[in-house]
Amino acid sequence: MHQRVLIVEDDLDIAHLLRVHVSELDLEVDHLASGEGVMSQLTSQNYAIVLLDIMLPSVDGLTLCREIKTLHPKISVVMLTSKSSEMDRIIGLEMGADDYICKPFSYREFQARIKAQLRHVKLLQAQQSQQNSSDVPAPIVVGNLHVDPHSHEVSLHKQPLDLTATEFELLLFFAKHPNQVFSRSQLLESVWGYDHLGYEHTVNSHINRIRTKLEKLTDTAIIETVWGVGYKLNSKPLQQELI
């Protein structure tokens, strides 16, 4: 069965272009020209990705993004923004968007970014399908932090963390490499599957969101910024808290 993508874009020319590029990836495509009806559409169909324009009539894309990620956290939301609206892109990521694409865009970059999101979705689906399998990946434990690739669950001090699919993959990557420093470009390539100059806010915003969720359960900085280099998961305080 082909995976399905929902395009929410009021500019019909851009929507047609998006549909062509998505269809070339052997994906099923639906289109809505406004934010009205998006939530009911997500209930009636099984979507892997929503391509969501920020500037929509009736309901704005940022509000929709937050609602989608609240009710359908496993759906990948990719915001469509203009190059001049950097603040909208940052806010969109803070609202829970998994990625953003700037208009105008090259079709090669667009398809690469869609493929990266599909990898996240397929990985999550594969993990869920292994629930009845004996070949189950073991949880990764770093002190009081538990990251379970099988159940897609994370806990700190035995308290669950509610993460989006991309946030989970990012924290899982850090947990697999505790105390190792990664640049933003390395994280983009390893977690998102691409490395395009100018998309560092994607990494920054996801790390900020993970930090905010972790800080609700601990006062200790777990993901640290190494200035001039990148980020790392510091295992020392996690180990100390076990004592």
Protein backbone atom coordinates (compact mmCIF):
# COMPACT_ATOMS: atom_id res chain seq x y z
CA MET A 1 0.00 0.00 0.00
CA HIS A 2 1.31 3.42 -0.95
CA GLN A 3 1.83 5.96 1.80
CA ARG A 4 -0.34 9.03 1.64
CA VAL A 5 0.52 12.74 1.87
CA LEU A 6 -1.92 15.57 2.55
CA ILE A 7 -1.09 18.95 0.98
CA VAL A 8 -2.73 21.95 2.65
CA GLU A 9 -1.99 24.90 0.37
CA ASP A 10 -4.30 27.67 -0.88
CA ASP A 11 -2.10 28.64 -3.85
CA LEU A 12 -3.31 26.22 -6.51
CA ASP A 13 -0.19 26.59 -8.68
CA ILE A 14 2.08 25.71 -5.77
CA ALA A 15 -0.25 22.90 -4.74
CA HIS A 16 -0.10 21.44 -8.25
CA LEU A 17 3.72 21.62 -8.21
CA LEU A 18 3.84 19.93 -4.81
CA ARG A 19 1.49 17.22 -6.01
CA VAL A 20 3.73 16.48 -9.01
CA HIS A 21 6.88 16.27 -6.88
CA VAL A 22 5.19 14.09 -4.24
CA SER A 23 3.65 11.78 -6.86
CA GLU A 24 7.10 11.21 -8.37
CA LEU A 25 8.02 9.56 -5.05
CA ASP A 26 5.27 6.97 -5.61
CA LEU A 27 3.07 8.45 -2.89
CA GLU A 28 -0.68 9.00 -2.83
CA VAL A 29 -1.61 12.69 -2.61
CA ASP A 30 -4.66 14.59 -1.38
CA HIS A 31 -5.08 18.36 -1.38
CA LEU A 32 -7.04 20.86 0.66
CA ALA A 33 -7.03 24.57 -0.20
CA SER A 34 -7.76 25.78 3.34
CA GLY A 35 -7.37 24.72 6.94
CA GLU A 36 -11.05 23.85 7.23
CA GLY A 37 -11.64 20.14 7.10
CA VAL A 38 -8.02 19.16 7.80
CA MET A 39 -8.70 17.45 11.11
CA SER A 40 -11.65 15.46 9.76
CA GLN A 41 -9.55 14.49 6.73
CA LEU A 42 -6.81 13.16 9.03
CA THR A 43 -9.41 11.03 10.78
CA SER A 44 -10.83 9.60 7.56
CA GLN A 45 -7.48 8.73 5.94
CA ASN A 46 -4.15 7.36 7.15
CA TYR A 47 -1.49 9.96 6.35
CA ALA A 48 2.26 9.73 6.78
CA ILE A 49 2.99 13.42 6.10
CA VAL A 50 1.08 16.69 6.09
CA LEU A 51 2.58 19.48 3.97
CA LEU A 52 1.13 22.53 5.67
CA ASP A 53 1.31 26.11 4.43
CA ILE A 54 1.63 28.66 7.22
CA MET A 55 -0.50 31.32 5.52
CA LEU A 56 -3.96 29.80 5.04
CA PRO A 57 -7.44 31.27 4.84
CA SER A 58 -9.78 30.73 7.80
CA VAL A 59 -7.39 28.74 10.02
CA ASP A 60 -3.67 29.58 10.14
CA GLY A 61 -1.08 26.88 9.66
CA LEU A 62 0.60 27.39 13.03
CA THR A 63 -2.63 26.70 14.89
CA LEU A 64 -3.26 23.65 12.72
CA CYS A 65 0.25 22.36 13.29
CA ARG A 66 -0.19 22.43 17.04
CA GLU A 67 -3.57 20.71 16.80
CA ILE A 68 -2.27 18.00 14.45
CA LYS A 69 0.73 17.18 16.64
CA THR A 70 -1.50 17.09 19.72
CA LEU A 71 -4.08 14.70 18.25
CA HIS A 72 -1.89 12.84 15.72
CA PRO A 73 1.68 12.96 17.09
CA LYS A 74 2.91 10.19 14.77
CA ILE A 75 2.05 12.15 11.62
CA SER A 76 4.99 14.11 10.25
CA VAL A 77 4.16 17.79 9.76
CA VAL A 78 6.30 19.75 7.30
CA MET A 79 5.63 23.49 7.23
CA LEU A 80 5.73 25.43 3.96
CA THR A 81 7.09 28.95 4.49
CA SER A 82 8.58 31.81 2.53
CA LYS A 83 12.29 32.56 2.77
CA SER A 84 11.52 35.97 4.28
CA SER A 85 9.51 34.63 7.24
CA GLU A 86 12.24 33.26 9.50
CA MET A 87 10.20 33.93 12.65
CA ASP A 88 7.29 31.89 11.28
CA ARG A 89 9.65 29.00 10.64
CA ILE A 90 10.99 29.15 14.19
CA ILE A 91 7.49 29.38 15.67
CA GLY A 92 6.36 26.50 13.46
CA LEU A 93 9.11 24.27 14.81
CA GLU A 94 8.29 25.34 18.34
CA MET A 95 4.67 24.34 17.67
CA GLY A 96 5.89 20.81 16.96
CA ALA A 97 6.52 20.78 13.21
CA ASP A 98 8.99 18.08 12.19
CA ASP A 99 10.57 20.18 9.46
CA TYR A 100 9.98 23.15 7.19
CA ILE A 101 10.55 23.86 3.51
CA CYS A 102 11.17 27.36 2.18
CA LYS A 103 9.37 28.63 -0.92
CA PRO A 104 10.61 28.81 -3.61
CA PHE A 105 12.37 25.45 -3.36
CA SER A 106 14.30 23.13 -5.61
CA TYR A 107 12.50 19.87 -6.35
CA ARG A 108 15.61 17.82 -5.46
CA GLU A 109 15.82 19.34 -1.99
CA PHE A 110 12.06 19.07 -1.55
CA GLN A 111 12.05 15.37 -2.41
CA ALA A 112 15.10 14.72 -0.22
CA ARG A 113 13.35 16.24 2.75
CA ILE A 114 10.14 14.31 2.11
CA LYS A 115 12.16 11.09 1.86
CA ALA A 116 13.81 11.92 5.19
CA GLN A 117 10.41 12.27 6.86
CA LEU A 118 9.23 9.03 5.25
CA ARG A 119 12.22 7.25 6.78
CA HIS A 120 11.09 8.43 10.22
CA VAL A 121 7.54 7.25 9.59
CA LYS A 122 8.64 3.87 8.21
CA LEU A 123 11.00 3.35 11.13
CA LEU A 124 8.21 4.04 13.58
CA GLN A 125 5.87 1.69 11.72
CA ALA A 126 8.52 -1.04 11.69
CA GLN A 127 9.07 -0.64 15.42
CA GLN A 128 5.36 -0.92 16.09
CA SER A 129 5.06 -4.03 13.90
CA GLN A 130 7.76 -5.76 15.98
CA GLN A 131 5.58 -5.82 19.08
CA ASN A 132 4.85 -9.52 18.58
CA SER A 133 8.35 -10.39 17.41
CA SER A 134 11.08 -11.96 19.53
CA ASP A 135 13.71 -9.89 17.72
CA VAL A 136 13.12 -6.73 19.73
CA PRO A 137 15.78 -4.03 20.15
CA ALA A 138 16.82 -3.56 23.75
CA PRO A 139 16.09 -0.29 25.53
CA ILE A 140 18.95 2.17 25.78
CA VAL A 141 19.66 3.18 29.37
CA VAL A 142 21.78 6.17 30.31
CA GLY A 143 21.51 6.55 34.06
CA ASN A 144 17.92 7.48 34.80
CA LEU A 145 17.11 8.04 31.13
CA HIS A 146 15.42 5.11 29.37
CA VAL A 147 14.85 5.19 25.61
CA ASP A 148 12.99 2.21 24.17
CA PRO A 149 13.27 1.88 20.34
CA HIS A 150 10.73 -0.96 20.41
CA SER A 151 7.84 0.79 22.15
CA HIS A 152 8.95 4.27 21.09
CA GLU A 153 8.77 5.35 24.73
CA VAL A 154 11.08 7.53 26.78
CA SER A 155 11.18 7.99 30.53
CA LEU A 156 13.30 10.00 32.95
CA HIS A 157 13.23 9.05 36.64
CA LYS A 158 10.55 6.54 35.59
CA GLN A 159 8.36 9.44 34.44
CA PRO A 160 7.23 9.25 30.78
CA LEU A 161 8.18 11.89 28.23
CA ASP A 162 5.75 12.72 25.43
CA LEU A 163 7.89 13.25 22.32
CA THR A 164 7.08 13.68 18.65
CA ALA A 165 8.56 11.14 16.23
CA THR A 166 11.45 13.44 15.27
CA GLU A 167 12.15 14.43 18.88
CA PHE A 168 12.31 10.75 19.76
CA GLU A 169 14.76 9.98 16.95
CA LEU A 170 16.96 12.89 17.99
CA LEU A 171 17.04 11.86 21.66
CA LEU A 172 17.58 8.23 20.65
CA PHE A 173 20.60 9.27 18.59
CA PHE A 174 22.06 11.18 21.54
CA ALA A 175 21.40 8.25 23.89
CA LYS A 176 23.27 5.92 21.55
CA HIS A 177 26.28 8.26 21.69
CA PRO A 178 26.43 9.69 25.23
CA ASN A 179 29.04 12.40 25.86
CA GLN A 180 29.87 12.65 22.16
CA VAL A 181 29.59 16.11 20.64
CA PHE A 182 27.77 16.53 17.32
CA SER A 183 27.56 19.62 15.15
CA ARG A 184 24.19 20.75 13.84
CA SER A 185 25.12 19.63 10.33
CA GLN A 186 26.04 16.16 11.66
CA LEU A 187 22.69 15.93 13.44
CA LEU A 188 20.82 17.04 10.33
CA GLU A 189 22.54 14.35 8.29
CA SER A 190 22.25 11.58 10.90
CA VAL A 191 18.72 12.20 12.20
CA TRP A 192 16.94 14.04 9.40
CA GLY A 193 18.85 12.38 6.57
CA TYR A 194 20.06 15.51 4.80
CA ASP A 195 22.51 18.35 5.25
CA HIS A 196 21.40 21.65 3.75
CA LEU A 197 22.97 24.95 4.71
CA GLY A 198 20.48 27.32 6.33
CA TYR A 199 18.33 24.76 8.15
CA GLU A 200 20.15 24.81 11.49
CA HIS A 201 17.00 26.14 13.18
CA THR A 202 15.50 22.71 12.62
CA VAL A 203 18.07 21.24 15.02
CA ASN A 204 18.00 24.16 17.45
CA SER A 205 14.24 24.16 17.83
CA HIS A 206 13.93 20.41 18.32
CA ILE A 207 16.68 20.42 20.95
CA ASN A 208 15.00 23.33 22.74
CA ARG A 209 11.71 21.44 22.80
CA ILE A 210 13.36 18.28 24.15
CA ARG A 211 15.15 20.33 26.82
CA THR A 212 11.88 21.93 27.89
CA LYS A 213 10.27 18.52 28.32
CA LEU A 214 13.27 17.11 30.19
CA GLU A 215 13.45 20.12 32.49
CA LYS A 216 9.94 19.40 33.72
CA LEU A 217 11.38 16.26 35.33
CA THR A 218 14.86 17.40 36.35
CA ASP A 219 16.81 20.56 37.10
CA THR A 220 19.91 19.07 35.53
CA ALA A 221 21.00 20.04 32.02
CA ILE A 222 21.10 16.75 30.11
CA ILE A 223 21.58 17.97 26.54
CA GLU A 224 24.38 20.49 26.70
CA THR A 225 25.55 23.08 24.22
CA VAL A 226 29.25 22.92 23.48
CA TRP A 227 29.84 26.43 22.22
CA GLY A 228 31.40 26.64 18.80
CA VAL A 229 31.02 22.89 18.26
CA GLY A 230 27.50 21.55 18.78
CA TYR A 231 25.52 19.49 21.30
CA LYS A 232 25.97 16.41 23.45
CA LEU A 233 24.04 14.27 25.91
CA ASN A 234 25.88 14.53 29.23
CA SER A 235 25.62 11.18 31.01
CA LYS A 236 27.47 12.25 34.17
CA PRO A 237 24.56 13.93 35.99
CA LEU A 238 22.25 11.08 35.00
CA GLN A 239 24.65 8.56 36.52
CA GLN A 240 25.11 10.67 39.66
CA GLU A 241 21.38 10.79 40.24
CA LEU A 242 21.35 6.99 40.46
CA ILE A 243 23.55 7.08 43.56
